[in-house]
Amino acid sequence: MELVVGTKAWSTWSMRPWLVLKHTGAPFTEVVIALRQENGVSADRIQVHSPSGLVPVLKDGDLTIWDTLAICEYLAERFPGLWPVDPAARALARSATAEMHSGFQALRAECPMALELAPRNVELSEPTQKNIGRIVTLWSDMLTRFGGPFLAGDWSIADAFYTPVASRFETYGVNLADYGDSGVAAAYSKRLLETPEYLAWREDALA
């Protein structure tokens, strides 16, 4: 398998399937395309690999899969254990993943992932604060219901989808206690940033 990703310091969508694929232990090669290049260079390089003109893209033999969630679902079919076995846990993990996939637009726009930046405190808009409040509630509810250490118990695709969010909270100095967190969500956020897969991605990004 070959996974085509964007600049590792910035591309949240690329990070998610990379974490999932790394978690499986399956061998794969990666192609990293530098984003934000002038004169359309990035777009031209991506178009060689991606029918949508976007990264990430997974190639498996003669099969090309685009879109982060589609890639993760394909990997889940090939490698059991990426979704919870329990139907309720699986349904809620998928719900949380889908909400991340399509939502939280204010947080995305105002706090883009930038792993190369030193942590700093920033003043956030009301829409972004509402996004953060919703994430704290979602995390706390699932961690309480399933007992942790990850959203649905064991690590799953849902946790890959929220790992870039944890990195944003760190970069922009977000104190989850300001959003009603009792400490459960903050501990989970820290846990995501301590997984071997994330640390490997971050090391590559900073290099």
N, C-alpha and C. Protein backbone atom coordinates (compact mmCIF):
# COMPACT_ATOMS: atom_id res chain seq x y z
N MET A 1 0.84 -1.20 0.00
CA MET A 1 0.00 0.00 0.00
C MET A 1 0.87 1.25 0.00
N GLU A 2 0.34 2.29 -0.62
CA GLU A 2 1.01 3.59 -0.64
C GLU A 2 0.03 4.66 -0.21
N LEU A 3 0.44 5.49 0.75
CA LEU A 3 -0.40 6.57 1.23
C LEU A 3 0.22 7.90 0.84
N VAL A 4 -0.55 8.71 0.13
CA VAL A 4 -0.11 10.03 -0.31
C VAL A 4 -0.68 11.05 0.67
N VAL A 5 0.20 11.83 1.29
CA VAL A 5 -0.22 12.78 2.31
C VAL A 5 0.35 14.16 2.00
N GLY A 6 -0.21 15.18 2.68
CA GLY A 6 0.30 16.53 2.56
C GLY A 6 1.29 16.84 3.67
N THR A 7 1.83 18.04 3.64
CA THR A 7 2.80 18.49 4.64
C THR A 7 2.37 18.08 6.04
N LYS A 8 3.23 17.36 6.75
CA LYS A 8 2.82 16.73 8.00
C LYS A 8 2.56 17.72 9.13
N ALA A 9 3.13 18.89 9.06
CA ALA A 9 2.88 19.88 10.11
C ALA A 9 1.49 20.48 10.00
N TRP A 10 0.86 20.39 8.83
CA TRP A 10 -0.39 21.11 8.58
C TRP A 10 -1.58 20.23 8.24
N SER A 11 -1.36 19.09 7.63
CA SER A 11 -2.48 18.34 7.03
C SER A 11 -3.14 17.40 8.02
N THR A 12 -4.21 17.88 8.64
CA THR A 12 -4.96 17.04 9.58
C THR A 12 -5.62 15.86 8.88
N TRP A 13 -6.14 16.11 7.68
CA TRP A 13 -6.82 15.04 6.96
C TRP A 13 -5.86 13.92 6.60
N SER A 14 -4.59 14.28 6.33
CA SER A 14 -3.59 13.25 6.04
C SER A 14 -3.20 12.49 7.30
N MET A 15 -3.11 13.21 8.42
CA MET A 15 -2.69 12.55 9.66
C MET A 15 -3.62 11.40 10.03
N ARG A 16 -4.92 11.60 9.88
CA ARG A 16 -5.88 10.62 10.41
C ARG A 16 -5.70 9.22 9.81
N PRO A 17 -5.73 9.04 8.48
CA PRO A 17 -5.54 7.68 7.97
C PRO A 17 -4.12 7.17 8.17
N TRP A 18 -3.15 8.09 8.23
CA TRP A 18 -1.78 7.66 8.50
C TRP A 18 -1.70 7.02 9.89
N LEU A 19 -2.34 7.64 10.88
CA LEU A 19 -2.37 7.06 12.23
C LEU A 19 -3.05 5.70 12.22
N VAL A 20 -4.15 5.60 11.49
CA VAL A 20 -4.89 4.33 11.44
C VAL A 20 -4.04 3.25 10.77
N LEU A 21 -3.43 3.59 9.65
CA LEU A 21 -2.61 2.60 8.94
C LEU A 21 -1.40 2.20 9.77
N LYS A 22 -0.80 3.16 10.44
CA LYS A 22 0.34 2.86 11.31
C LYS A 22 -0.09 1.94 12.45
N HIS A 23 -1.30 2.18 12.97
CA HIS A 23 -1.82 1.38 14.08
C HIS A 23 -2.00 -0.09 13.68
N THR A 24 -2.29 -0.35 12.43
CA THR A 24 -2.48 -1.74 11.98
C THR A 24 -1.19 -2.52 11.98
N GLY A 25 -0.06 -1.83 11.85
CA GLY A 25 1.22 -2.51 11.74
C GLY A 25 1.53 -3.01 10.34
N ALA A 26 0.62 -2.76 9.39
CA ALA A 26 0.84 -3.21 8.01
C ALA A 26 1.91 -2.36 7.34
N PRO A 27 2.74 -2.97 6.51
CA PRO A 27 3.76 -2.18 5.81
C PRO A 27 3.13 -1.28 4.75
N PHE A 28 3.65 -0.08 4.61
CA PHE A 28 3.19 0.82 3.55
C PHE A 28 4.29 1.83 3.26
N THR A 29 4.23 2.39 2.09
CA THR A 29 5.13 3.49 1.74
C THR A 29 4.32 4.77 1.76
N GLU A 30 5.01 5.90 1.88
CA GLU A 30 4.29 7.17 1.89
C GLU A 30 4.93 8.14 0.90
N VAL A 31 4.09 8.97 0.35
CA VAL A 31 4.53 10.07 -0.50
C VAL A 31 4.04 11.35 0.16
N VAL A 32 4.97 12.23 0.50
CA VAL A 32 4.61 13.49 1.14
C VAL A 32 4.69 14.62 0.11
N ILE A 33 3.57 15.31 -0.08
CA ILE A 33 3.52 16.42 -1.02
C ILE A 33 3.51 17.73 -0.24
N ALA A 34 4.44 18.60 -0.57
CA ALA A 34 4.52 19.90 0.10
C ALA A 34 3.33 20.76 -0.31
N LEU A 35 2.59 21.23 0.69
CA LEU A 35 1.42 22.06 0.43
C LEU A 35 1.80 23.54 0.41
N ARG A 36 0.88 24.36 -0.07
CA ARG A 36 1.01 25.82 -0.08
C ARG A 36 2.18 26.31 -0.94
N GLN A 37 2.54 25.53 -1.96
CA GLN A 37 3.55 26.00 -2.89
C GLN A 37 2.92 26.95 -3.91
N GLU A 38 3.70 27.87 -4.40
CA GLU A 38 3.20 28.88 -5.32
C GLU A 38 3.02 28.31 -6.73
N ASN A 39 2.25 29.05 -7.53
CA ASN A 39 2.06 28.76 -8.96
C ASN A 39 1.42 27.40 -9.22
N GLY A 40 0.62 26.94 -8.25
CA GLY A 40 -0.13 25.70 -8.47
C GLY A 40 0.69 24.44 -8.43
N VAL A 41 1.92 24.53 -7.91
CA VAL A 41 2.80 23.35 -7.90
C VAL A 41 2.20 22.24 -7.03
N SER A 42 1.68 22.61 -5.86
CA SER A 42 1.10 21.59 -4.97
C SER A 42 -0.06 20.88 -5.64
N ALA A 43 -0.96 21.66 -6.24
CA ALA A 43 -2.13 21.07 -6.90
C ALA A 43 -1.73 20.15 -8.03
N ASP A 44 -0.72 20.54 -8.80
CA ASP A 44 -0.26 19.70 -9.91
C ASP A 44 0.30 18.38 -9.40
N ARG A 45 1.06 18.44 -8.32
CA ARG A 45 1.65 17.22 -7.78
C ARG A 45 0.57 16.30 -7.20
N ILE A 46 -0.42 16.90 -6.54
CA ILE A 46 -1.50 16.09 -5.97
C ILE A 46 -2.32 15.43 -7.07
N GLN A 47 -2.59 16.17 -8.15
CA GLN A 47 -3.44 15.67 -9.22
C GLN A 47 -2.88 14.40 -9.86
N VAL A 48 -1.58 14.23 -9.80
CA VAL A 48 -0.96 13.01 -10.34
C VAL A 48 -1.47 11.78 -9.60
N HIS A 49 -1.77 11.94 -8.33
CA HIS A 49 -2.16 10.81 -7.49
C HIS A 49 -3.66 10.74 -7.22
N SER A 50 -4.32 11.89 -7.18
CA SER A 50 -5.67 11.96 -6.61
C SER A 50 -6.71 12.38 -7.63
N PRO A 51 -7.76 11.58 -7.84
CA PRO A 51 -8.82 11.98 -8.76
C PRO A 51 -9.60 13.19 -8.28
N SER A 52 -9.60 13.43 -6.96
CA SER A 52 -10.32 14.58 -6.41
C SER A 52 -9.46 15.84 -6.34
N GLY A 53 -8.16 15.68 -6.56
CA GLY A 53 -7.26 16.80 -6.43
C GLY A 53 -6.93 17.15 -5.00
N LEU A 54 -7.22 16.22 -4.08
CA LEU A 54 -6.99 16.44 -2.65
C LEU A 54 -6.20 15.28 -2.06
N VAL A 55 -5.51 15.56 -0.97
CA VAL A 55 -4.89 14.50 -0.18
C VAL A 55 -5.68 14.33 1.11
N PRO A 56 -5.66 13.14 1.69
CA PRO A 56 -4.83 11.97 1.39
C PRO A 56 -5.45 11.08 0.32
N VAL A 57 -4.61 10.18 -0.18
CA VAL A 57 -5.02 9.16 -1.14
C VAL A 57 -4.32 7.86 -0.76
N LEU A 58 -5.07 6.77 -0.75
CA LEU A 58 -4.48 5.45 -0.50
C LEU A 58 -4.51 4.65 -1.79
N LYS A 59 -3.36 4.08 -2.14
CA LYS A 59 -3.27 3.20 -3.30
C LYS A 59 -2.98 1.79 -2.80
N ASP A 60 -3.79 0.86 -3.23
CA ASP A 60 -3.61 -0.55 -2.86
C ASP A 60 -3.74 -1.37 -4.13
N GLY A 61 -2.62 -1.73 -4.72
CA GLY A 61 -2.65 -2.39 -6.02
C GLY A 61 -3.18 -1.42 -7.06
N ASP A 62 -4.21 -1.87 -7.80
CA ASP A 62 -4.80 -1.00 -8.83
C ASP A 62 -5.97 -0.18 -8.29
N LEU A 63 -6.16 -0.20 -6.98
CA LEU A 63 -7.26 0.52 -6.35
C LEU A 63 -6.75 1.84 -5.77
N THR A 64 -7.45 2.93 -6.08
CA THR A 64 -7.13 4.24 -5.52
C THR A 64 -8.32 4.74 -4.72
N ILE A 65 -8.10 5.06 -3.45
CA ILE A 65 -9.17 5.49 -2.55
C ILE A 65 -8.84 6.89 -2.06
N TRP A 66 -9.79 7.81 -2.20
CA TRP A 66 -9.59 9.17 -1.71
C TRP A 66 -10.63 9.48 -0.63
N ASP A 67 -10.39 10.52 0.10
CA ASP A 67 -11.18 10.96 1.25
C ASP A 67 -10.77 10.19 2.49
N THR A 68 -10.49 10.95 3.54
CA THR A 68 -9.98 10.40 4.79
C THR A 68 -10.87 9.31 5.37
N LEU A 69 -12.18 9.57 5.45
CA LEU A 69 -13.08 8.60 6.06
C LEU A 69 -13.20 7.35 5.21
N ALA A 70 -13.25 7.51 3.89
CA ALA A 70 -13.33 6.34 3.01
C ALA A 70 -12.09 5.47 3.15
N ILE A 71 -10.93 6.10 3.27
CA ILE A 71 -9.69 5.34 3.45
C ILE A 71 -9.75 4.55 4.76
N CYS A 72 -10.19 5.20 5.83
CA CYS A 72 -10.25 4.54 7.13
C CYS A 72 -11.25 3.39 7.14
N GLU A 73 -12.38 3.57 6.48
CA GLU A 73 -13.37 2.49 6.39
C GLU A 73 -12.81 1.31 5.59
N TYR A 74 -12.07 1.59 4.54
CA TYR A 74 -11.44 0.52 3.76
C TYR A 74 -10.45 -0.25 4.63
N LEU A 75 -9.65 0.48 5.39
CA LEU A 75 -8.69 -0.18 6.27
C LEU A 75 -9.38 -1.00 7.34
N ALA A 76 -10.53 -0.51 7.85
CA ALA A 76 -11.28 -1.25 8.86
C ALA A 76 -11.80 -2.57 8.30
N GLU A 77 -12.12 -2.62 7.02
CA GLU A 77 -12.57 -3.86 6.40
C GLU A 77 -11.42 -4.84 6.20
N ARG A 78 -10.24 -4.30 6.00
CA ARG A 78 -9.07 -5.16 5.80
C ARG A 78 -8.45 -5.61 7.10
N PHE A 79 -8.54 -4.75 8.13
CA PHE A 79 -7.86 -5.02 9.39
C PHE A 79 -8.86 -4.91 10.55
N PRO A 80 -9.47 -6.02 10.96
CA PRO A 80 -10.46 -5.97 12.04
C PRO A 80 -9.87 -5.38 13.31
N GLY A 81 -10.73 -4.68 14.06
CA GLY A 81 -10.32 -4.12 15.33
C GLY A 81 -10.19 -2.61 15.32
N LEU A 82 -10.37 -1.99 14.15
CA LEU A 82 -10.27 -0.53 14.07
C LEU A 82 -11.56 0.16 14.49
N TRP A 83 -12.65 -0.59 14.52
CA TRP A 83 -13.91 -0.13 15.12
C TRP A 83 -14.23 -1.05 16.29
N PRO A 84 -14.94 -0.56 17.31
CA PRO A 84 -15.31 -1.43 18.44
C PRO A 84 -16.17 -2.60 17.99
N VAL A 85 -16.05 -3.70 18.69
CA VAL A 85 -16.87 -4.88 18.40
C VAL A 85 -18.30 -4.67 18.89
N ASP A 86 -18.45 -4.07 20.05
CA ASP A 86 -19.78 -3.83 20.62
C ASP A 86 -20.58 -2.89 19.71
N PRO A 87 -21.81 -3.26 19.33
CA PRO A 87 -22.59 -2.44 18.40
C PRO A 87 -22.84 -1.02 18.87
N ALA A 88 -23.14 -0.84 20.17
CA ALA A 88 -23.39 0.51 20.69
C ALA A 88 -22.13 1.36 20.64
N ALA A 89 -21.02 0.78 21.08
CA ALA A 89 -19.75 1.51 21.04
C ALA A 89 -19.36 1.84 19.61
N ARG A 90 -19.59 0.90 18.71
CA ARG A 90 -19.25 1.13 17.29
C ARG A 90 -20.11 2.25 16.71
N ALA A 91 -21.40 2.24 17.03
CA ALA A 91 -22.31 3.27 16.51
C ALA A 91 -21.92 4.65 17.00
N LEU A 92 -21.58 4.75 18.28
CA LEU A 92 -21.22 6.06 18.82
C LEU A 92 -19.84 6.50 18.34
N ALA A 93 -18.92 5.56 18.18
CA ALA A 93 -17.60 5.91 17.63
C ALA A 93 -17.75 6.42 16.20
N ARG A 94 -18.62 5.80 15.43
CA ARG A 94 -18.86 6.27 14.06
C ARG A 94 -19.56 7.63 14.07
N SER A 95 -20.47 7.84 15.00
CA SER A 95 -21.15 9.12 15.10
C SER A 95 -20.15 10.24 15.41
N ALA A 96 -19.26 9.98 16.37
CA ALA A 96 -18.25 10.97 16.74
C ALA A 96 -17.31 11.25 15.58
N THR A 97 -16.96 10.21 14.85
CA THR A 97 -16.08 10.37 13.69
C THR A 97 -16.75 11.18 12.61
N ALA A 98 -18.01 10.88 12.32
CA ALA A 98 -18.74 11.61 11.29
C ALA A 98 -18.91 13.08 11.67
N GLU A 99 -19.13 13.35 12.96
CA GLU A 99 -19.27 14.74 13.40
C GLU A 99 -17.97 15.50 13.19
N MET A 100 -16.85 14.86 13.46
CA MET A 100 -15.56 15.51 13.22
C MET A 100 -15.32 15.70 11.73
N HIS A 101 -15.71 14.73 10.95
CA HIS A 101 -15.48 14.76 9.50
C HIS A 101 -16.20 15.92 8.84
N SER A 102 -17.37 16.27 9.36
CA SER A 102 -18.18 17.29 8.68
C SER A 102 -18.39 18.57 9.47
N GLY A 103 -17.96 18.59 10.73
CA GLY A 103 -18.29 19.72 11.59
C GLY A 103 -17.11 20.50 12.10
N PHE A 104 -17.39 21.34 13.11
CA PHE A 104 -16.38 22.13 13.80
C PHE A 104 -15.63 23.07 12.85
N GLN A 105 -16.39 23.71 11.97
CA GLN A 105 -15.77 24.57 10.96
C GLN A 105 -15.05 25.77 11.57
N ALA A 106 -15.61 26.35 12.62
CA ALA A 106 -14.98 27.52 13.23
C ALA A 106 -13.62 27.16 13.81
N LEU A 107 -13.54 26.05 14.51
CA LEU A 107 -12.28 25.61 15.09
C LEU A 107 -11.26 25.34 14.00
N ARG A 108 -11.68 24.70 12.94
CA ARG A 108 -10.76 24.41 11.83
C ARG A 108 -10.17 25.69 11.25
N ALA A 109 -11.05 26.69 11.04
CA ALA A 109 -10.61 27.92 10.39
C ALA A 109 -9.74 28.78 11.29
N GLU A 110 -10.12 28.86 12.55
CA GLU A 110 -9.45 29.78 13.46
C GLU A 110 -8.18 29.17 14.06
N CYS A 111 -8.16 27.86 14.19
CA CYS A 111 -7.02 27.19 14.82
C CYS A 111 -6.50 26.06 13.93
N PRO A 112 -5.93 26.40 12.78
CA PRO A 112 -5.41 25.35 11.91
C PRO A 112 -4.27 24.60 12.58
N MET A 113 -4.14 23.32 12.25
CA MET A 113 -3.03 22.56 12.82
C MET A 113 -1.72 23.15 12.30
N ALA A 114 -0.79 23.37 13.22
CA ALA A 114 0.51 23.93 12.88
C ALA A 114 1.52 23.39 13.89
N LEU A 115 2.00 22.18 13.64
CA LEU A 115 2.84 21.51 14.62
C LEU A 115 4.18 22.20 14.80
N GLU A 116 4.55 23.04 13.84
CA GLU A 116 5.83 23.73 13.94
C GLU A 116 5.79 24.93 14.89
N LEU A 117 4.60 25.35 15.29
CA LEU A 117 4.46 26.52 16.16
C LEU A 117 4.63 26.15 17.63
N ALA A 118 5.28 27.02 18.37
CA ALA A 118 5.35 26.83 19.83
C ALA A 118 3.98 27.12 20.42
N PRO A 119 3.60 26.45 21.50
CA PRO A 119 2.31 26.73 22.14
C PRO A 119 2.17 28.20 22.50
N ARG A 120 0.97 28.73 22.29
CA ARG A 120 0.70 30.12 22.63
C ARG A 120 -0.76 30.24 23.04
N ASN A 121 -1.09 31.28 23.79
CA ASN A 121 -2.46 31.54 24.18
C ASN A 121 -3.08 32.53 23.20
N VAL A 122 -4.26 32.23 22.72
CA VAL A 122 -4.94 33.10 21.76
C VAL A 122 -6.36 33.36 22.24
N GLU A 123 -6.92 34.48 21.80
CA GLU A 123 -8.31 34.79 22.11
C GLU A 123 -9.18 34.21 21.02
N LEU A 124 -10.15 33.39 21.41
CA LEU A 124 -10.96 32.65 20.44
C LEU A 124 -12.34 33.27 20.29
N SER A 125 -12.89 33.16 19.09
CA SER A 125 -14.22 33.68 18.81
C SER A 125 -15.29 32.83 19.49
N GLU A 126 -16.48 33.37 19.58
CA GLU A 126 -17.59 32.63 20.19
C GLU A 126 -17.91 31.34 19.44
N PRO A 127 -17.97 31.34 18.09
CA PRO A 127 -18.24 30.08 17.39
C PRO A 127 -17.19 29.01 17.68
N THR A 128 -15.93 29.40 17.76
CA THR A 128 -14.88 28.43 18.06
C THR A 128 -15.02 27.91 19.48
N GLN A 129 -15.36 28.79 20.40
CA GLN A 129 -15.57 28.35 21.78
C GLN A 129 -16.74 27.38 21.88
N LYS A 130 -17.77 27.60 21.08
CA LYS A 130 -18.89 26.65 21.07
C LYS A 130 -18.45 25.30 20.53
N ASN A 131 -17.61 25.32 19.50
CA ASN A 131 -17.06 24.06 18.98
C ASN A 131 -16.30 23.31 20.06
N ILE A 132 -15.46 24.03 20.80
CA ILE A 132 -14.66 23.40 21.84
C ILE A 132 -15.56 22.84 22.95
N GLY A 133 -16.58 23.60 23.32
CA GLY A 133 -17.51 23.11 24.33
C GLY A 133 -18.19 21.83 23.91
N ARG A 134 -18.57 21.75 22.65
CA ARG A 134 -19.21 20.53 22.14
C ARG A 134 -18.22 19.35 22.17
N ILE A 135 -16.97 19.60 21.81
CA ILE A 135 -15.98 18.53 21.82
C ILE A 135 -15.75 18.03 23.24
N VAL A 136 -15.67 18.94 24.20
CA VAL A 136 -15.49 18.53 25.61
C VAL A 136 -16.66 17.65 26.05
N THR A 137 -17.87 18.04 25.70
CA THR A 137 -19.05 17.25 26.08
C THR A 137 -19.02 15.88 25.43
N LEU A 138 -18.70 15.84 24.13
CA LEU A 138 -18.65 14.58 23.40
C LEU A 138 -17.61 13.65 24.01
N TRP A 139 -16.41 14.17 24.21
CA TRP A 139 -15.34 13.35 24.79
C TRP A 139 -15.73 12.84 26.18
N SER A 140 -16.20 13.73 27.02
CA SER A 140 -16.52 13.36 28.40
C SER A 140 -17.63 12.30 28.45
N ASP A 141 -18.66 12.48 27.62
CA ASP A 141 -19.76 11.53 27.61
C ASP A 141 -19.30 10.14 27.19
N MET A 142 -18.49 10.07 26.12
CA MET A 142 -18.05 8.76 25.63
C MET A 142 -17.05 8.12 26.57
N LEU A 143 -16.13 8.89 27.11
CA LEU A 143 -15.15 8.33 28.03
C LEU A 143 -15.81 7.81 29.30
N THR A 144 -16.84 8.52 29.77
CA THR A 144 -17.57 8.07 30.95
C THR A 144 -18.38 6.82 30.65
N ARG A 145 -19.03 6.82 29.51
CA ARG A 145 -19.89 5.68 29.16
C ARG A 145 -19.09 4.40 28.95
N PHE A 146 -17.95 4.50 28.25
CA PHE A 146 -17.21 3.28 27.89
C PHE A 146 -15.98 3.05 28.76
N GLY A 147 -15.69 3.96 29.66
CA GLY A 147 -14.64 3.73 30.65
C GLY A 147 -13.23 4.00 30.19
N GLY A 148 -13.05 4.51 28.95
CA GLY A 148 -11.72 4.83 28.46
C GLY A 148 -10.87 3.59 28.24
N PRO A 149 -9.58 3.72 27.98
CA PRO A 149 -8.86 5.00 28.00
C PRO A 149 -9.11 5.88 26.76
N PHE A 150 -9.74 5.27 25.73
CA PHE A 150 -10.04 6.03 24.52
C PHE A 150 -11.55 6.18 24.38
N LEU A 151 -12.01 6.84 23.34
CA LEU A 151 -13.41 7.26 23.28
C LEU A 151 -14.39 6.11 23.44
N ALA A 152 -14.13 5.00 22.77
CA ALA A 152 -15.05 3.87 22.83
C ALA A 152 -14.43 2.67 23.52
N GLY A 153 -13.51 2.94 24.42
CA GLY A 153 -12.80 1.86 25.12
C GLY A 153 -11.40 1.74 24.57
N ASP A 154 -11.19 0.75 23.70
CA ASP A 154 -9.90 0.61 23.03
C ASP A 154 -9.75 1.67 21.94
N TRP A 155 -8.53 1.89 21.51
CA TRP A 155 -8.25 2.86 20.45
C TRP A 155 -9.00 2.46 19.17
N SER A 156 -9.56 3.47 18.49
CA SER A 156 -10.30 3.21 17.26
C SER A 156 -10.11 4.36 16.28
N ILE A 157 -10.73 4.25 15.14
CA ILE A 157 -10.67 5.30 14.12
C ILE A 157 -11.14 6.63 14.70
N ALA A 158 -12.11 6.60 15.60
CA ALA A 158 -12.60 7.84 16.21
C ALA A 158 -11.47 8.60 16.88
N ASP A 159 -10.57 7.90 17.52
CA ASP A 159 -9.46 8.56 18.21
C ASP A 159 -8.48 9.17 17.21
N ALA A 160 -8.30 8.52 16.08
CA ALA A 160 -7.46 9.10 15.03
C ALA A 160 -8.04 10.42 14.54
N PHE A 161 -9.37 10.49 14.45
CA PHE A 161 -10.01 11.70 13.95
C PHE A 161 -9.88 12.87 14.93
N TYR A 162 -9.76 12.58 16.21
CA TYR A 162 -9.67 13.66 17.19
C TYR A 162 -8.23 13.98 17.62
N THR A 163 -7.26 13.21 17.16
CA THR A 163 -5.88 13.51 17.51
C THR A 163 -5.43 14.87 17.01
N PRO A 164 -5.75 15.27 15.76
CA PRO A 164 -5.37 16.63 15.35
C PRO A 164 -6.04 17.72 16.18
N VAL A 165 -7.22 17.44 16.72
CA VAL A 165 -7.90 18.40 17.59
C VAL A 165 -7.09 18.59 18.86
N ALA A 166 -6.61 17.49 19.42
CA ALA A 166 -5.77 17.58 20.63
C ALA A 166 -4.53 18.41 20.36
N SER A 167 -3.95 18.25 19.18
CA SER A 167 -2.76 19.04 18.84
C SER A 167 -3.10 20.52 18.74
N ARG A 168 -4.29 20.85 18.23
CA ARG A 168 -4.72 22.24 18.17
C ARG A 168 -4.88 22.82 19.58
N PHE A 169 -5.49 22.06 20.46
CA PHE A 169 -5.67 22.53 21.83
C PHE A 169 -4.32 22.86 22.47
N GLU A 170 -3.31 22.03 22.19
CA GLU A 170 -1.98 22.27 22.73
C GLU A 170 -1.36 23.52 22.10
N THR A 171 -1.44 23.64 20.79
CA THR A 171 -0.81 24.76 20.09
C THR A 171 -1.40 26.10 20.50
N TYR A 172 -2.73 26.14 20.65
CA TYR A 172 -3.40 27.42 20.89
C TYR A 172 -3.76 27.65 22.35
N GLY A 173 -3.18 26.85 23.23
CA GLY A 173 -3.32 27.08 24.66
C GLY A 173 -4.74 26.97 25.18
N VAL A 174 -5.51 26.02 24.65
CA VAL A 174 -6.90 25.86 25.07
C VAL A 174 -6.95 25.11 26.40
N ASN A 175 -7.52 25.75 27.40
CA ASN A 175 -7.69 25.13 28.72
C ASN A 175 -9.10 24.55 28.78
N LEU A 176 -9.21 23.24 28.72
CA LEU A 176 -10.52 22.61 28.63
C LEU A 176 -11.34 22.81 29.90
N ALA A 177 -10.70 23.12 31.00
CA ALA A 177 -11.45 23.41 32.23
C ALA A 177 -12.34 24.63 32.05
N ASP A 178 -11.96 25.52 31.16
CA ASP A 178 -12.78 26.71 30.89
C ASP A 178 -14.07 26.36 30.15
N TYR A 179 -14.16 25.12 29.69
CA TYR A 179 -15.34 24.68 28.92
C TYR A 179 -16.10 23.58 29.64
N GLY A 180 -15.94 23.54 30.95
CA GLY A 180 -16.70 22.61 31.77
C GLY A 180 -16.06 21.26 31.97
N ASP A 181 -14.82 21.10 31.54
CA ASP A 181 -14.16 19.80 31.69
C ASP A 181 -13.76 19.57 33.14
N SER A 182 -14.07 18.38 33.63
CA SER A 182 -13.69 18.00 34.99
C SER A 182 -12.28 17.45 35.06
N GLY A 183 -11.63 17.35 33.93
CA GLY A 183 -10.29 16.75 33.84
C GLY A 183 -10.26 15.52 32.97
N VAL A 184 -11.45 14.96 32.69
CA VAL A 184 -11.53 13.75 31.87
C VAL A 184 -11.10 14.04 30.44
N ALA A 185 -11.63 15.11 29.87
CA ALA A 185 -11.30 15.44 28.48
C ALA A 185 -9.84 15.85 28.33
N ALA A 186 -9.34 16.62 29.27
CA ALA A 186 -7.94 17.05 29.21
C ALA A 186 -6.99 15.87 29.29
N ALA A 187 -7.30 14.91 30.15
CA ALA A 187 -6.46 13.72 30.26
C ALA A 187 -6.48 12.92 28.96
N TYR A 188 -7.66 12.85 28.36
CA TYR A 188 -7.77 12.13 27.07
C TYR A 188 -6.98 12.85 25.99
N SER A 189 -7.08 14.18 25.95
CA SER A 189 -6.34 14.95 24.95
C SER A 189 -4.84 14.70 25.07
N LYS A 190 -4.35 14.70 26.30
CA LYS A 190 -2.93 14.42 26.55
C LYS A 190 -2.58 13.00 26.11
N ARG A 191 -3.49 12.07 26.37
CA ARG A 191 -3.26 10.66 26.02
C ARG A 191 -3.11 10.50 24.51
N LEU A 192 -3.92 11.22 23.74
CA LEU A 192 -3.83 11.13 22.29
C LEU A 192 -2.46 11.57 21.80
N LEU A 193 -1.90 12.59 22.44
CA LEU A 193 -0.62 13.14 22.01
C LEU A 193 0.57 12.34 22.53
N GLU A 194 0.28 11.28 23.27
CA GLU A 194 1.34 10.40 23.77
C GLU A 194 1.37 9.05 23.07
N THR A 195 0.44 8.82 22.12
CA THR A 195 0.45 7.54 21.42
C THR A 195 1.69 7.44 20.53
N PRO A 196 2.25 6.26 20.36
CA PRO A 196 3.45 6.10 19.53
C PRO A 196 3.22 6.59 18.09
N GLU A 197 2.01 6.36 17.58
CA GLU A 197 1.74 6.75 16.20
C GLU A 197 1.80 8.27 16.04
N TYR A 198 1.16 8.99 16.96
CA TYR A 198 1.20 10.46 16.86
C TYR A 198 2.63 10.97 17.04
N LEU A 199 3.37 10.42 17.99
CA LEU A 199 4.73 10.90 18.22
C LEU A 199 5.59 10.68 17.00
N ALA A 200 5.38 9.56 16.29
CA ALA A 200 6.13 9.32 15.05
C ALA A 200 5.77 10.34 13.98
N TRP A 201 4.47 10.64 13.84
CA TRP A 201 4.03 11.65 12.88
C TRP A 201 4.63 13.01 13.22
N ARG A 202 4.57 13.38 14.47
CA ARG A 202 5.07 14.70 14.89
C ARG A 202 6.57 14.81 14.66
N GLU A 203 7.30 13.73 14.95
CA GLU A 203 8.74 13.75 14.72
C GLU A 203 9.04 13.99 13.23
N ASP A 204 8.32 13.31 12.36
CA ASP A 204 8.48 13.52 10.92
C ASP A 204 8.15 14.96 10.54
N ALA A 205 7.07 15.48 11.11
CA ALA A 205 6.63 16.82 10.77
C ALA A 205 7.67 17.87 11.15
N LEU A 206 8.24 17.73 12.32
CA LEU A 206 9.22 18.71 12.79
C LEU A 206 10.58 18.57 12.11
N ALA A 207 10.82 17.37 11.56
CA ALA A 207 12.08 17.15 10.84
C ALA A 207 12.06 17.78 9.46
